[in-house]
Amino acid sequence: MSKKPYPQNDDLVNAILKVLSKAYTMTPDEFPEAVKKQLEEEGFYTGLVTTKRIWQLYEKLVRNGQAVDVFGVVQDLGQRE
């Protein structure tokens, strides 16, 4: 049996966007586990994927306008100059 691949940032971003598309009743506490579950379903090893890494990528997506802050956790969104 071969090892499962480690997810790269692009894989994490894709999983985050998939989870966000169905995150209508999800809480911020449930979000990182849902992303890890999505990655596992896609065949990735998630043992080294941290909650901090998931939230950093989420924040980057929100700040770049690629995702909406559905959890309301990103601060200072409208205060960039």
Protein backbone atom coordinates (compact mmCIF):
# COMPACT_ATOMS: atom_id res chain seq x y z
CA MET A 1 0.00 0.00 0.00
CA SER A 2 1.40 3.39 -0.94
CA LYS A 3 1.49 6.40 1.34
CA LYS A 4 -1.11 9.10 1.02
CA PRO A 5 0.26 12.40 -0.32
CA TYR A 6 0.62 15.46 1.90
CA PRO A 7 -1.73 18.29 0.88
CA GLN A 8 -0.11 21.38 -0.59
CA ASN A 9 -1.57 24.86 -0.04
CA ASP A 10 -3.51 24.65 -3.32
CA ASP A 11 -5.11 21.40 -2.14
CA LEU A 12 -6.04 23.05 1.16
CA VAL A 13 -7.51 26.07 -0.63
CA ASN A 14 -9.65 23.81 -2.82
CA ALA A 15 -10.86 21.89 0.25
CA ILE A 16 -11.62 25.15 2.10
CA LEU A 17 -13.67 26.46 -0.82
CA LYS A 18 -15.59 23.17 -1.07
CA VAL A 19 -16.36 23.21 2.65
CA LEU A 20 -17.38 26.89 2.53
CA SER A 21 -19.82 26.15 -0.29
CA LYS A 22 -21.76 23.90 2.10
CA ALA A 23 -21.01 25.60 5.43
CA TYR A 24 -24.44 27.10 6.02
CA THR A 25 -24.85 25.81 9.57
CA MET A 26 -21.20 25.19 10.46
CA THR A 27 -19.54 26.93 13.38
CA PRO A 28 -15.95 28.21 13.35
CA ASP A 29 -15.05 25.39 15.76
CA GLU A 30 -16.25 22.75 13.29
CA PHE A 31 -14.62 24.32 10.22
CA PRO A 32 -11.02 23.00 10.52
CA GLU A 33 -12.21 19.43 11.10
CA ALA A 34 -14.54 19.68 8.11
CA VAL A 35 -11.61 20.82 5.94
CA LYS A 36 -9.48 17.90 7.17
CA LYS A 37 -12.33 15.48 6.48
CA GLN A 38 -12.68 16.87 2.95
CA LEU A 39 -8.95 16.37 2.36
CA GLU A 40 -9.13 12.79 3.68
CA GLU A 41 -12.02 12.09 1.31
CA GLU A 42 -9.78 13.30 -1.52
CA GLY A 43 -7.07 10.87 -0.45
CA PHE A 44 -4.66 13.13 1.43
CA TYR A 45 -2.79 12.50 4.68
CA THR A 46 -3.93 15.18 7.15
CA GLY A 47 -1.82 14.28 10.18
CA LEU A 48 0.40 17.34 9.72
CA VAL A 49 -2.32 19.81 8.69
CA THR A 50 -2.76 22.27 11.55
CA THR A 51 -5.77 24.36 12.48
CA LYS A 52 -3.55 27.45 12.29
CA ARG A 53 -2.58 26.68 8.69
CA ILE A 54 -6.23 26.24 7.69
CA TRP A 55 -7.22 29.57 9.29
CA GLN A 56 -4.25 31.40 7.71
CA LEU A 57 -5.31 30.22 4.26
CA TYR A 58 -8.94 31.09 5.02
CA GLU A 59 -7.91 34.61 6.01
CA LYS A 60 -5.82 34.97 2.85
CA LEU A 61 -8.78 33.88 0.71
CA VAL A 62 -11.07 36.39 2.42
CA ARG A 63 -8.59 39.27 2.17
CA ASN A 64 -7.96 38.53 -1.53
CA GLY A 65 -11.69 38.50 -2.23
CA GLN A 66 -11.76 34.83 -3.21
CA ALA A 67 -14.11 33.90 -0.36
CA VAL A 68 -16.67 35.60 1.84
CA ASP A 69 -16.00 35.71 5.58
CA VAL A 70 -18.97 33.49 6.47
CA PHE A 71 -17.76 33.11 10.06
CA GLY A 72 -17.04 36.81 10.68
CA VAL A 73 -13.59 36.08 12.08
CA VAL A 74 -11.34 38.21 9.84
CA GLN A 75 -10.65 41.57 11.46
CA ASP A 76 -9.95 44.96 9.80
CA LEU A 77 -11.44 43.96 6.45
CA GLY A 78 -12.66 47.40 5.44
CA GLN A 79 -9.78 49.42 6.86
CA ARG A 80 -7.07 48.89 4.23
CA GLU A 81 -5.69 51.93 2.48
